[in-house]
C-alpha cells in the first residue's frame, strides 16, 4: 500500500488524524535502529578499554606497562576503533605498540562477543596532554 493510500485509509477511519495514527503499536516505545547501534558501539568501546587496560598492565615491556587507555571511540564505525593512550614516554610507547598491536587486538577479541574483532588504531599522548 502506498503512503498516500495509507493516509487516505487512516483519514476515512478517524474523525481527527493525530500523530501516531496508523502506526504499529508493537513498535511503540522502542529505540530507533540508530540509537541502538550507538549504544552497542559505546558498550563495545567500554569493553575494549577495560580489556586493553588489563592487557597493558600485564605486559613485560616497561614502556607499555606504564600506559593507560584514556578513550576508545569508533572511527568511523565499530569496525575500527581509535584507542587513545596516556604514556609517560609517548615516543617509546609508539615504537613498542607496533610490536604489541596483535597481542592487544587478541586481548580485545577475547573480551568481546563479535564475529570480527575491530581494527585498533592507537594515538599516544603524554601524561599532561588534554583528552582527544
N, C-alpha and C. Protein backbone atom coordinates (compact mmCIF):
# COMPACT_ATOMS: atom_id res chain seq x y z
N UNK A 1 0.85 -1.16 0.00
CA UNK A 1 0.00 0.00 0.00
C UNK A 1 0.90 1.23 0.00
N UNK A 2 0.66 2.18 -0.91
CA UNK A 2 1.49 3.38 -0.96
C UNK A 2 1.18 4.28 0.23
N UNK A 3 2.10 5.19 0.53
CA UNK A 3 1.92 6.06 1.69
C UNK A 3 0.72 6.98 1.50
N UNK A 4 0.44 7.42 0.29
CA UNK A 4 -0.72 8.28 0.04
C UNK A 4 -2.01 7.52 0.30
N UNK A 5 -2.05 6.32 -0.17
CA UNK A 5 -3.25 5.50 0.03
C UNK A 5 -3.42 5.19 1.52
N UNK A 6 -2.33 4.93 2.21
CA UNK A 6 -2.38 4.65 3.64
C UNK A 6 -2.95 5.85 4.39
N UNK A 7 -2.55 7.06 4.03
CA UNK A 7 -3.07 8.26 4.67
C UNK A 7 -4.57 8.40 4.42
N UNK A 8 -5.01 8.09 3.21
CA UNK A 8 -6.44 8.17 2.90
C UNK A 8 -7.24 7.19 3.74
N UNK A 9 -6.72 5.99 3.92
CA UNK A 9 -7.41 4.98 4.73
C UNK A 9 -7.51 5.43 6.18
N UNK A 10 -6.43 5.99 6.71
CA UNK A 10 -6.44 6.47 8.09
C UNK A 10 -7.45 7.60 8.23
N UNK A 11 -7.51 8.52 7.28
CA UNK A 11 -8.48 9.63 7.35
C UNK A 11 -9.91 9.12 7.29
N UNK A 12 -10.15 8.08 6.51
CA UNK A 12 -11.50 7.52 6.42
C UNK A 12 -11.92 6.88 7.74
N UNK A 13 -10.99 6.34 8.49
CA UNK A 13 -11.30 5.63 9.73
C UNK A 13 -11.34 6.54 10.95
N UNK A 14 -10.72 7.72 10.86
CA UNK A 14 -10.62 8.60 12.03
C UNK A 14 -11.29 9.94 11.74
N UNK A 15 -11.95 10.47 12.76
CA UNK A 15 -12.53 11.80 12.62
C UNK A 15 -11.42 12.85 12.66
N UNK A 16 -10.45 12.66 13.55
CA UNK A 16 -9.33 13.58 13.69
C UNK A 16 -8.04 12.77 13.62
N UNK A 17 -7.23 13.05 12.63
CA UNK A 17 -5.97 12.35 12.47
C UNK A 17 -4.92 13.01 13.36
N UNK A 18 -4.25 12.19 14.17
CA UNK A 18 -3.21 12.69 15.06
C UNK A 18 -1.91 11.96 14.76
N UNK A 19 -0.85 12.52 15.29
CA UNK A 19 0.45 11.88 15.10
C UNK A 19 0.43 10.50 15.73
N UNK A 20 0.91 9.52 15.02
CA UNK A 20 0.94 8.16 15.53
C UNK A 20 -0.24 7.31 15.09
N UNK A 21 -1.26 7.92 14.50
CA UNK A 21 -2.38 7.13 13.99
C UNK A 21 -1.91 6.28 12.83
N UNK A 22 -2.24 5.02 12.86
CA UNK A 22 -1.85 4.11 11.80
C UNK A 22 -0.50 3.45 12.02
N UNK A 23 0.21 3.84 13.08
CA UNK A 23 1.49 3.21 13.40
C UNK A 23 1.26 1.88 14.08
N UNK A 24 2.19 0.98 13.89
CA UNK A 24 2.11 -0.34 14.50
C UNK A 24 2.38 -0.19 16.00
N UNK A 25 1.43 -0.54 16.87
CA UNK A 25 1.63 -0.36 18.31
C UNK A 25 2.73 -1.27 18.88
N UNK A 26 3.08 -2.33 18.18
CA UNK A 26 4.14 -3.20 18.67
C UNK A 26 5.51 -2.53 18.61
N UNK A 27 5.61 -1.51 17.78
CA UNK A 27 6.88 -0.80 17.65
C UNK A 27 6.95 0.46 18.51
N UNK A 28 5.89 0.78 19.19
CA UNK A 28 5.86 2.00 20.01
C UNK A 28 6.80 1.86 21.20
N UNK A 29 7.55 2.88 21.49
CA UNK A 29 8.43 2.90 22.65
C UNK A 29 9.76 2.21 22.46
N UNK A 30 10.02 1.68 21.32
CA UNK A 30 11.31 1.02 21.08
C UNK A 30 12.35 2.03 20.62
N UNK A 31 13.59 1.69 20.88
CA UNK A 31 14.68 2.54 20.41
C UNK A 31 14.74 2.49 18.89
N UNK A 32 15.15 3.59 18.31
CA UNK A 32 15.36 3.57 16.87
C UNK A 32 16.60 2.72 16.58
N UNK A 33 16.74 2.31 15.37
CA UNK A 33 17.87 1.48 14.97
C UNK A 33 19.19 2.21 15.20
N UNK A 34 19.21 3.51 14.92
CA UNK A 34 20.43 4.28 15.08
C UNK A 34 20.82 4.40 16.56
N UNK A 35 19.84 4.62 17.43
CA UNK A 35 20.13 4.73 18.86
C UNK A 35 20.67 3.41 19.40
N UNK A 36 20.09 2.32 18.97
CA UNK A 36 20.55 1.01 19.43
C UNK A 36 21.98 0.74 18.94
N UNK A 37 22.27 1.14 17.71
CA UNK A 37 23.61 0.94 17.16
C UNK A 37 24.64 1.76 17.93
N UNK A 38 24.28 3.00 18.28
CA UNK A 38 25.19 3.85 19.05
C UNK A 38 25.42 3.29 20.45
N UNK A 39 24.38 2.78 21.07
CA UNK A 39 24.50 2.20 22.41
C UNK A 39 25.42 0.98 22.37
N UNK A 40 25.24 0.12 21.37
CA UNK A 40 26.10 -1.06 21.24
C UNK A 40 27.56 -0.66 20.99
N UNK A 41 27.77 0.40 20.20
CA UNK A 41 29.14 0.87 19.94
C UNK A 41 29.77 1.39 21.23
N UNK A 42 29.00 2.11 22.06
CA UNK A 42 29.55 2.60 23.33
C UNK A 42 29.89 1.44 24.25
N UNK A 43 29.04 0.41 24.28
CA UNK A 43 29.32 -0.77 25.10
C UNK A 43 30.59 -1.47 24.62
N UNK A 44 30.73 -1.60 23.30
CA UNK A 44 31.92 -2.23 22.73
C UNK A 44 33.17 -1.45 23.11
N UNK A 45 33.12 -0.14 23.01
CA UNK A 45 34.28 0.69 23.34
C UNK A 45 34.66 0.53 24.81
N UNK A 46 33.67 0.47 25.69
CA UNK A 46 33.96 0.30 27.12
C UNK A 46 34.59 -1.06 27.39
N UNK A 47 34.09 -2.11 26.73
CA UNK A 47 34.67 -3.45 26.90
C UNK A 47 36.11 -3.49 26.42
N UNK A 48 36.37 -2.89 25.27
CA UNK A 48 37.71 -2.89 24.71
C UNK A 48 38.66 -2.08 25.60
N UNK A 49 38.18 -0.96 26.14
CA UNK A 49 39.03 -0.14 27.02
C UNK A 49 39.44 -0.94 28.26
N UNK A 50 38.48 -1.64 28.87
CA UNK A 50 38.81 -2.46 30.05
C UNK A 50 39.81 -3.55 29.71
N UNK A 51 39.58 -4.23 28.59
CA UNK A 51 40.46 -5.33 28.18
C UNK A 51 41.88 -4.83 27.88
N UNK A 52 41.97 -3.68 27.21
CA UNK A 52 43.29 -3.15 26.87
C UNK A 52 44.04 -2.67 28.11
N UNK A 53 43.33 -2.06 29.05
CA UNK A 53 43.99 -1.64 30.30
C UNK A 53 44.58 -2.85 31.03
N UNK A 54 43.82 -3.94 31.07
CA UNK A 54 44.32 -5.16 31.72
C UNK A 54 45.50 -5.74 30.95
N UNK A 55 45.40 -5.76 29.62
CA UNK A 55 46.48 -6.33 28.81
C UNK A 55 47.74 -5.50 28.92
N UNK A 56 47.61 -4.18 28.92
CA UNK A 56 48.79 -3.31 29.04
C UNK A 56 49.45 -3.48 30.40
N UNK A 57 48.66 -3.64 31.45
CA UNK A 57 49.22 -3.81 32.79
C UNK A 57 49.98 -5.13 32.92
N UNK A 58 49.61 -6.12 32.11
CA UNK A 58 50.26 -7.43 32.21
C UNK A 58 51.44 -7.62 31.29
N UNK A 59 51.79 -6.62 30.50
CA UNK A 59 52.91 -6.76 29.57
C UNK A 59 54.25 -6.64 30.29
N UNK A 60 55.26 -7.30 29.75
CA UNK A 60 56.61 -7.25 30.34
C UNK A 60 57.34 -5.97 29.94
N UNK A 61 56.89 -5.31 28.88
CA UNK A 61 57.55 -4.11 28.38
C UNK A 61 57.22 -2.92 29.28
N UNK A 62 58.24 -2.32 29.86
CA UNK A 62 58.04 -1.20 30.79
C UNK A 62 57.42 0.02 30.11
N UNK A 63 57.76 0.26 28.84
CA UNK A 63 57.22 1.42 28.14
C UNK A 63 55.71 1.30 27.95
N UNK A 64 55.21 0.08 27.75
CA UNK A 64 53.78 -0.11 27.55
C UNK A 64 53.04 -0.36 28.86
N UNK A 65 53.71 -0.92 29.84
CA UNK A 65 53.07 -1.21 31.12
C UNK A 65 52.64 0.07 31.82
N UNK A 66 53.36 1.15 31.59
CA UNK A 66 53.01 2.44 32.19
C UNK A 66 51.89 3.17 31.48
N UNK A 67 51.44 2.64 30.35
CA UNK A 67 50.37 3.29 29.58
C UNK A 67 49.01 2.96 30.16
N UNK A 68 48.09 3.90 30.00
CA UNK A 68 46.68 3.67 30.36
C UNK A 68 45.81 4.11 29.20
N UNK A 69 44.68 3.45 29.04
CA UNK A 69 43.73 3.81 27.99
C UNK A 69 42.87 4.94 28.51
N UNK A 70 42.88 6.08 27.81
CA UNK A 70 42.06 7.20 28.25
C UNK A 70 40.76 7.29 27.48
N UNK A 71 40.72 6.76 26.25
CA UNK A 71 39.48 6.80 25.46
C UNK A 71 39.52 5.76 24.36
N UNK A 72 38.36 5.21 24.07
CA UNK A 72 38.18 4.33 22.91
C UNK A 72 36.91 4.81 22.22
N UNK A 73 37.04 5.18 20.94
CA UNK A 73 35.88 5.67 20.19
C UNK A 73 35.85 5.00 18.82
N UNK A 74 34.64 4.82 18.25
CA UNK A 74 34.54 4.28 16.89
C UNK A 74 35.13 5.27 15.88
N UNK A 75 35.87 4.76 14.92
CA UNK A 75 36.49 5.63 13.92
C UNK A 75 36.49 4.96 12.56
N UNK A 76 35.59 5.10 11.71
CA UNK A 76 34.33 5.85 11.73
C UNK A 76 33.16 5.05 12.29
N UNK A 77 33.34 3.73 12.42
CA UNK A 77 32.26 2.90 12.98
C UNK A 77 32.89 1.85 13.88
N UNK A 78 32.08 0.89 14.34
CA UNK A 78 32.57 -0.10 15.30
C UNK A 78 33.53 -1.12 14.67
N UNK A 79 33.73 -1.08 13.38
CA UNK A 79 34.70 -1.97 12.73
C UNK A 79 36.13 -1.52 12.93
N UNK A 80 36.30 -0.27 13.31
CA UNK A 80 37.62 0.30 13.58
C UNK A 80 37.50 1.20 14.79
N UNK A 81 38.38 1.00 15.76
CA UNK A 81 38.32 1.78 16.99
C UNK A 81 39.61 2.58 17.16
N UNK A 82 39.45 3.85 17.57
CA UNK A 82 40.62 4.69 17.87
C UNK A 82 40.85 4.63 19.37
N UNK A 83 42.00 4.15 19.76
CA UNK A 83 42.36 3.99 21.16
C UNK A 83 43.36 5.08 21.52
N UNK A 84 43.01 5.91 22.50
CA UNK A 84 43.89 6.97 22.96
C UNK A 84 44.57 6.50 24.23
N UNK A 85 45.90 6.48 24.20
CA UNK A 85 46.70 6.02 25.33
C UNK A 85 47.43 7.19 25.98
N UNK A 86 47.54 7.15 27.30
CA UNK A 86 48.37 8.08 28.06
C UNK A 86 49.65 7.32 28.40
N UNK A 87 50.78 7.92 28.10
CA UNK A 87 52.06 7.25 28.34
C UNK A 87 53.06 8.24 28.94
N UNK A 88 53.88 7.77 29.87
CA UNK A 88 54.92 8.65 30.41
C UNK A 88 55.92 9.05 29.33
N UNK A 89 56.21 8.14 28.42
CA UNK A 89 57.13 8.38 27.31
C UNK A 89 56.41 8.04 26.00
N UNK A 90 55.69 8.99 25.39
CA UNK A 90 54.87 8.69 24.22
C UNK A 90 55.66 8.13 23.02
N UNK A 91 56.85 8.65 22.76
CA UNK A 91 57.63 8.19 21.60
C UNK A 91 58.06 6.73 21.77
N UNK A 92 58.51 6.37 22.96
CA UNK A 92 58.92 4.99 23.21
C UNK A 92 57.71 4.05 23.13
N UNK A 93 56.57 4.51 23.65
CA UNK A 93 55.37 3.68 23.63
C UNK A 93 54.89 3.46 22.20
N UNK A 94 54.95 4.49 21.35
CA UNK A 94 54.53 4.34 19.95
C UNK A 94 55.39 3.29 19.24
N UNK A 95 56.67 3.33 19.48
CA UNK A 95 57.57 2.36 18.83
C UNK A 95 57.26 0.94 19.28
N UNK A 96 56.94 0.76 20.54
CA UNK A 96 56.67 -0.58 21.06
C UNK A 96 55.27 -1.06 20.70
N UNK A 97 54.35 -0.13 20.46
CA UNK A 97 52.98 -0.52 20.09
C UNK A 97 52.95 -1.27 18.76
N UNK A 98 53.86 -0.94 17.87
CA UNK A 98 53.90 -1.62 16.57
C UNK A 98 54.11 -3.12 16.76
N UNK A 99 54.88 -3.50 17.76
CA UNK A 99 55.15 -4.92 18.01
C UNK A 99 54.04 -5.58 18.84
N UNK A 100 53.36 -4.82 19.68
CA UNK A 100 52.35 -5.38 20.57
C UNK A 100 50.93 -5.26 20.02
N UNK A 101 50.78 -4.68 18.83
CA UNK A 101 49.44 -4.44 18.27
C UNK A 101 48.62 -5.72 18.15
N UNK A 102 49.21 -6.78 17.67
CA UNK A 102 48.50 -8.05 17.51
C UNK A 102 48.07 -8.65 18.83
N UNK A 103 48.95 -8.58 19.82
CA UNK A 103 48.63 -9.10 21.14
C UNK A 103 47.49 -8.31 21.79
N UNK A 104 47.51 -7.00 21.61
CA UNK A 104 46.45 -6.16 22.18
C UNK A 104 45.12 -6.39 21.47
N UNK A 105 45.16 -6.61 20.16
CA UNK A 105 43.93 -6.91 19.43
C UNK A 105 43.37 -8.27 19.86
N UNK A 106 44.25 -9.21 20.11
CA UNK A 106 43.83 -10.52 20.61
C UNK A 106 43.16 -10.40 21.98
N UNK A 107 43.72 -9.58 22.86
CA UNK A 107 43.14 -9.36 24.18
C UNK A 107 41.76 -8.71 24.06
N UNK A 108 41.62 -7.77 23.13
CA UNK A 108 40.32 -7.13 22.92
C UNK A 108 39.31 -8.15 22.38
N UNK A 109 39.76 -9.01 21.47
CA UNK A 109 38.88 -10.02 20.90
C UNK A 109 38.40 -11.03 21.92
N UNK A 110 39.25 -11.35 22.90
CA UNK A 110 38.85 -12.28 23.96
C UNK A 110 37.78 -11.67 24.86
N UNK A 111 37.76 -10.35 24.97
CA UNK A 111 36.83 -9.68 25.88
C UNK A 111 35.47 -9.39 25.27
N UNK A 112 35.36 -9.44 23.94
CA UNK A 112 34.09 -9.09 23.30
C UNK A 112 33.48 -10.30 22.62
N UNK A 113 32.20 -10.20 22.34
CA UNK A 113 31.48 -11.27 21.65
C UNK A 113 31.07 -10.75 20.27
N UNK A 114 31.99 -10.79 19.36
CA UNK A 114 31.75 -10.33 18.00
C UNK A 114 32.31 -11.33 17.02
N UNK A 115 31.72 -11.35 15.83
CA UNK A 115 32.22 -12.24 14.79
C UNK A 115 33.62 -11.81 14.34
N UNK A 116 33.80 -10.50 14.22
CA UNK A 116 35.10 -9.95 13.81
C UNK A 116 35.59 -8.98 14.88
N UNK A 117 36.86 -9.08 15.17
CA UNK A 117 37.47 -8.16 16.13
C UNK A 117 37.77 -6.86 15.40
N UNK A 118 37.38 -5.72 15.98
CA UNK A 118 37.64 -4.44 15.30
C UNK A 118 39.13 -4.15 15.16
N UNK A 119 39.47 -3.42 14.12
CA UNK A 119 40.84 -2.96 13.93
C UNK A 119 41.10 -1.86 14.97
N UNK A 120 42.29 -1.84 15.52
CA UNK A 120 42.64 -0.86 16.55
C UNK A 120 43.65 0.13 15.99
N UNK A 121 43.34 1.42 16.12
CA UNK A 121 44.26 2.49 15.76
C UNK A 121 44.68 3.17 17.06
N UNK A 122 45.95 3.31 17.28
CA UNK A 122 46.45 3.86 18.54
C UNK A 122 46.93 5.29 18.37
N UNK A 123 46.55 6.14 19.32
CA UNK A 123 47.04 7.51 19.43
C UNK A 123 47.66 7.62 20.80
N UNK A 124 48.92 8.02 20.86
CA UNK A 124 49.63 8.08 22.13
C UNK A 124 49.84 9.54 22.53
N UNK A 125 49.43 9.85 23.75
CA UNK A 125 49.58 11.20 24.28
C UNK A 125 50.46 11.15 25.51
N UNK A 126 51.07 12.28 25.83
CA UNK A 126 51.83 12.39 27.05
C UNK A 126 50.91 12.47 28.26
N UNK A 127 51.45 12.38 29.43
CA UNK A 127 50.65 12.39 30.66
C UNK A 127 49.90 13.70 30.85
N UNK A 128 50.49 14.83 30.47
CA UNK A 128 49.87 16.12 30.74
C UNK A 128 49.01 16.64 29.59
N UNK A 129 48.95 15.93 28.46
CA UNK A 129 48.19 16.37 27.30
C UNK A 129 46.69 16.29 27.57
N UNK A 130 45.88 17.20 26.98
CA UNK A 130 44.43 17.14 27.15
C UNK A 130 43.83 15.94 26.43
N UNK A 131 42.62 15.51 26.85
CA UNK A 131 41.95 14.38 26.20
C UNK A 131 41.66 14.66 24.76
N UNK A 132 41.75 13.62 23.91
CA UNK A 132 41.47 13.76 22.49
C UNK A 132 40.06 13.32 22.21
